[in-house]
Protein backbone atom coordinates (compact mmCIF):
# COMPACT_ATOMS: atom_id res chain seq x y z
CA MET A 1 0.00 0.00 0.00
CA ASN A 2 1.25 3.47 -0.86
CA ALA A 3 2.63 5.32 2.19
CA LYS A 4 0.39 8.30 1.48
CA TRP A 5 -2.74 6.19 1.85
CA ILE A 6 -1.43 4.57 5.02
CA VAL A 7 -1.10 8.03 6.57
CA ILE A 8 -4.62 8.97 5.50
CA LEU A 9 -6.10 5.77 6.90
CA MET A 10 -4.30 6.20 10.20
CA LEU A 11 -5.12 9.87 10.63
CA GLY A 12 -8.72 9.66 9.49
CA PRO A 13 -10.21 8.15 12.66
CA THR A 14 -8.25 10.53 14.90
CA ILE A 15 -9.53 13.82 13.51
CA ALA A 16 -12.40 14.03 15.98
CA HIS A 17 -10.27 13.13 18.99
CA ALA A 18 -7.35 14.60 20.91
CA LEU A 19 -3.97 14.37 19.23
CA SER A 20 -0.35 14.73 20.29
CA LEU A 21 2.18 16.40 18.03
CA ASP A 22 5.91 16.14 18.78
CA LEU A 23 8.63 18.01 16.89
CA ARG A 24 12.27 17.23 17.74
CA HIS A 25 15.72 18.30 16.51
CA GLU A 26 18.86 16.22 17.08
CA TYR A 27 22.57 16.93 16.80
CA LEU A 28 25.47 14.45 17.09
CA ASP A 29 28.69 16.14 18.19
CA ASP A 30 31.24 13.73 16.65
CA SER A 31 29.66 12.97 13.29
CA GLN A 32 28.18 16.50 13.26
CA GLN A 33 24.89 15.27 11.85
CA ASN A 34 21.58 17.09 12.16
CA LYS A 35 18.34 15.12 12.22
CA ASP A 36 14.68 16.01 12.76
CA ARG A 37 11.50 14.10 13.36
CA LEU A 38 7.77 14.83 13.46
CA LEU A 39 5.53 12.47 15.43
CA LEU A 40 1.73 12.52 15.36
CA SER A 41 0.01 10.14 17.78
CA HIS A 42 -3.29 9.42 19.49
CA ARG A 43 -4.67 6.94 22.01
CA PHE A 44 -8.38 6.19 22.19
CA LYS A 45 -10.30 5.65 25.43
CA ASN A 46 -10.44 1.91 24.75
CA GLY A 47 -6.61 1.72 24.89
CA LEU A 48 -5.95 1.51 21.17
CA GLY A 49 -3.13 3.82 20.06
CA MET A 50 -1.65 4.74 16.71
CA SER A 51 1.08 7.04 15.50
CA VAL A 52 2.84 8.25 12.36
CA GLU A 53 6.46 9.38 12.56
CA THR A 54 8.43 11.09 9.80
CA LYS A 55 12.22 11.42 10.09
CA PHE A 56 14.41 13.91 8.24
CA ARG A 57 18.14 14.55 7.91
CA SER A 58 20.06 17.52 6.54
CA GLY A 59 21.52 16.84 3.12
CA GLY A 60 23.13 18.78 0.33
CA ASP A 61 26.80 19.74 0.32
CA ASP A 62 27.07 20.24 4.08
CA SER A 63 25.01 17.95 6.32
CA ARG A 64 26.35 19.75 9.39
CA LYS A 65 24.01 22.68 8.78
CA PRO A 66 20.61 22.25 10.48
CA MET A 67 17.51 22.51 8.31
CA CYS A 68 19.71 22.50 5.20
CA HIS A 69 18.35 20.68 2.12
CA MET A 70 16.28 18.42 4.37
CA ARG A 71 15.54 14.95 3.06
CA ASN A 72 13.06 12.40 4.30
CA SER A 73 15.03 9.44 5.65
CA SER A 74 12.20 7.15 6.80
CA ASN A 75 8.58 6.91 7.95
CA GLU A 76 7.30 4.80 10.84
CA TYR A 77 3.73 3.62 11.50
CA THR A 78 2.84 2.21 14.93
CA LEU A 79 -0.20 0.44 16.33
CA SER A 80 -0.40 -0.42 20.04
CA TYR A 81 -2.79 -1.30 22.83
CA LEU A 82 -2.54 -0.05 26.43
CA GLN A 83 -3.98 -2.22 29.22
CA LYS A 84 -4.07 -0.49 32.61
CA MET A 85 -4.13 -2.66 35.74
CA ASN A 86 -4.01 -0.44 38.84
CA LYS A 87 -0.35 0.64 39.01
CA TRP A 88 0.70 -1.65 36.16
CA ASN A 89 0.53 -0.81 32.45
CA LEU A 90 0.96 -3.47 29.76
CA GLN A 91 1.44 -2.34 26.16
CA PRO A 92 1.96 -4.66 23.17
CA GLY A 93 2.70 -2.91 19.90
CA LEU A 94 3.80 -3.24 16.30
CA ALA A 95 5.76 -0.64 14.32
CA VAL A 96 6.73 -0.69 10.65
CA GLU A 97 9.50 1.63 9.45
CA THR A 98 10.02 2.19 5.72
CA SER A 99 12.61 4.08 3.70
CA THR A 100 13.62 4.16 0.05
CA ASP A 101 15.21 0.69 0.06
CA LYS A 102 14.65 -0.69 3.58
CA GLU A 103 11.74 -2.07 5.57
CA THR A 104 11.81 -2.88 9.31
CA TRP A 105 9.17 -4.67 11.37
CA LYS A 106 9.21 -4.04 15.14
CA PRO A 107 6.87 -6.04 17.40
CA SER A 108 7.24 -5.11 21.07
CA LEU A 109 5.94 -5.60 24.59
CA ARG A 110 6.24 -2.88 27.28
CA LEU A 111 5.52 -3.15 31.01
CA GLN A 112 5.37 -0.14 33.35
CA TYR A 113 4.85 0.24 37.10
CA ASP A 114 3.90 3.53 38.79
CA PHE A 115 5.20 4.06 42.32
CA LEU A 116 3.90 6.59 44.83
CA GLY A 117 5.33 10.09 44.64
CA GLY A 118 5.49 10.34 40.86
CA ILE A 119 8.22 7.72 40.31
CA TYR A 120 7.76 5.13 37.58
CA THR A 121 9.81 2.44 35.90
CA ALA A 122 9.31 0.50 32.68
CA VAL A 123 10.91 -2.22 30.58
CA ARG A 124 10.35 -3.14 26.95
CA TYR A 125 11.45 -5.95 24.67
CA ARG A 126 11.40 -5.30 20.94
CA TYR A 127 12.36 -7.57 18.07
CA GLU A 128 13.44 -5.83 14.86
CA TYR A 129 13.61 -7.50 11.47
CA SER A 130 15.10 -5.41 8.63
CA HIS A 131 15.22 -6.20 4.94
CA VAL A 132 16.99 -4.16 2.26
CA SER A 133 15.00 -4.52 -0.95
CA SER A 134 17.94 -3.78 -3.28
CA THR A 135 20.00 -6.61 -1.76
CA ALA A 136 18.06 -9.81 -1.34
CA SER A 137 20.70 -11.34 0.90
CA HIS A 138 20.93 -8.43 3.35
CA GLU A 139 18.71 -9.02 6.36
CA GLU A 140 19.19 -8.09 9.99
CA ASN A 141 17.64 -9.44 13.19
CA ILE A 142 17.89 -7.34 16.36
CA HIS A 143 16.85 -8.14 19.92
CA ARG A 144 16.42 -4.85 21.75
CA GLY A 145 15.77 -4.13 25.42
CA ASP A 146 14.85 -0.79 26.99
CA PHE A 147 14.74 0.31 30.62
CA TRP A 148 13.18 3.57 31.85
CA LEU A 149 13.25 5.27 35.24
CA GLY A 150 11.24 8.45 35.52
CA TYR A 151 10.01 11.05 37.99
CA ARG A 152 7.07 13.45 37.68
CA TRP A 153 6.89 16.46 39.98
CA ARG A 154 4.19 19.05 39.35
CA ALA A 155 4.80 20.29 35.80
CA TRP A 156 8.26 18.73 35.52
CA LYS A 157 9.22 15.35 34.09
CA LEU A 158 12.66 13.73 34.35
CA GLU A 159 13.39 10.42 32.61
CA TYR A 160 16.41 8.16 32.14
CA ASN A 161 16.50 5.51 29.41
CA TYR A 162 19.01 2.70 28.87
CA LEU A 163 18.91 0.82 25.57
CA TYR A 164 20.69 -2.41 24.67
CA LYS A 165 20.53 -4.26 21.37
CA HIS A 166 22.06 -7.47 20.03
CA SER A 167 22.18 -8.14 16.30
CA ASP A 168 23.30 -10.83 13.89
CA GLN A 169 25.22 -8.03 12.10
CA ILE A 170 28.07 -5.78 13.28
CA ARG A 171 26.65 -2.83 15.26
CA PHE A 172 29.42 -1.22 17.33
CA ASP A 173 33.20 -1.66 17.75
CA ASN A 174 33.14 -4.69 15.40
CA ARG A 175 30.77 -6.41 17.82
CA HIS A 176 27.20 -7.58 17.49
CA ASP A 177 25.83 -5.49 20.36
CA ASP A 178 25.35 -1.80 21.08
CA TYR A 179 23.92 0.39 23.84
CA GLU A 180 22.73 3.93 24.55
CA HIS A 181 22.14 6.16 27.55
CA ASN A 182 19.63 9.02 27.42
CA LEU A 183 18.43 11.63 29.91
CA LYS A 184 15.32 13.73 29.22
CA LEU A 185 13.94 16.77 31.06
CA GLY A 186 10.64 18.41 30.17
CA ARG A 187 8.15 20.90 31.63
CA ILE A 188 4.43 21.23 30.92
CA ILE A 189 3.30 24.76 30.10
CA ALA A 190 -0.34 25.89 29.91
CA GLN A 191 -1.52 22.25 30.13
CA HIS A 192 -0.96 21.51 26.43
CA TRP A 193 2.71 22.32 25.73
CA MET A 194 5.84 20.52 26.91
CA PRO A 195 9.25 21.73 25.70
CA TYR A 196 12.05 19.30 26.54
CA VAL A 197 15.78 18.68 26.20
CA GLU A 198 17.68 15.39 25.98
CA VAL A 199 21.33 14.40 26.33
CA GLY A 200 22.45 10.95 25.21
CA ASN A 201 25.55 8.80 24.79
CA VAL A 202 25.57 6.79 21.55
CA SER A 203 28.04 4.98 19.29
CA VAL A 204 29.85 6.65 16.39
CA SER A 205 30.22 3.77 13.93
CA LYS A 206 30.00 0.00 13.53
CA THR A 207 33.77 -0.49 13.34
CA SER A 208 34.90 1.94 16.06
CA GLY A 209 34.69 1.90 19.84
CA GLU A 210 34.24 5.68 19.98
CA ARG A 211 31.21 7.20 21.67
CA GLN A 212 29.59 10.57 21.05
CA THR A 213 27.11 12.91 22.71
CA ARG A 214 23.66 13.30 21.21
CA PHE A 215 21.75 16.53 21.93
CA ARG A 216 18.03 16.84 21.38
CA VAL A 217 15.52 19.66 21.82
CA GLY A 218 11.82 19.21 21.22
CA LEU A 219 8.30 20.46 21.73
CA ASN A 220 5.25 18.33 22.45
CA TRP A 221 1.77 19.72 21.89
CA SER A 222 -1.34 17.85 23.05
CA PHE A 223 -4.67 19.16 21.78
């Protein structure tokens, strides 16, 4: 199905309901890359959720310049279901990410527990299967685990995320595994807006053991 029609089908049922729009810019200090993403999501009262995410990167002669000759790098479509059980939240989901020559399927299962005092923790397992259409023999299987620890205080939200992935292909430092650390701080303004900043530690390349800092700034709008 054409990606344009997938977007229309996913957005159609959400027009009459509340939506969440998230715009984020990213900068990697070692590779000096600029990336952007736009995420549109909604969750119905019955627990069904859906989202459409579009990712961009700066292109042209100098990719280090933000918002310069921006090119669409991929689109991701996600369908999930949230089951609330007192302080526990269980969320199975399925995401499909597509680009010019690559398709990735991402089934997942997320479990969250909310403590007293605004503290919460969550874990998620996600399996990722990627296939490059131009090379029939190039496939990748990734087992990914995420851990979150967060704290909500009044209008503030602080969240730490650790990510680990193991692949059947080389991912980092000529090894089959990779990891990331990320810290996010946001503040709700006027009930609907939440600007936020993130600082992360990520790998530089598949064949190097170097790490780099990832900076992100974003704005979430719920309406």
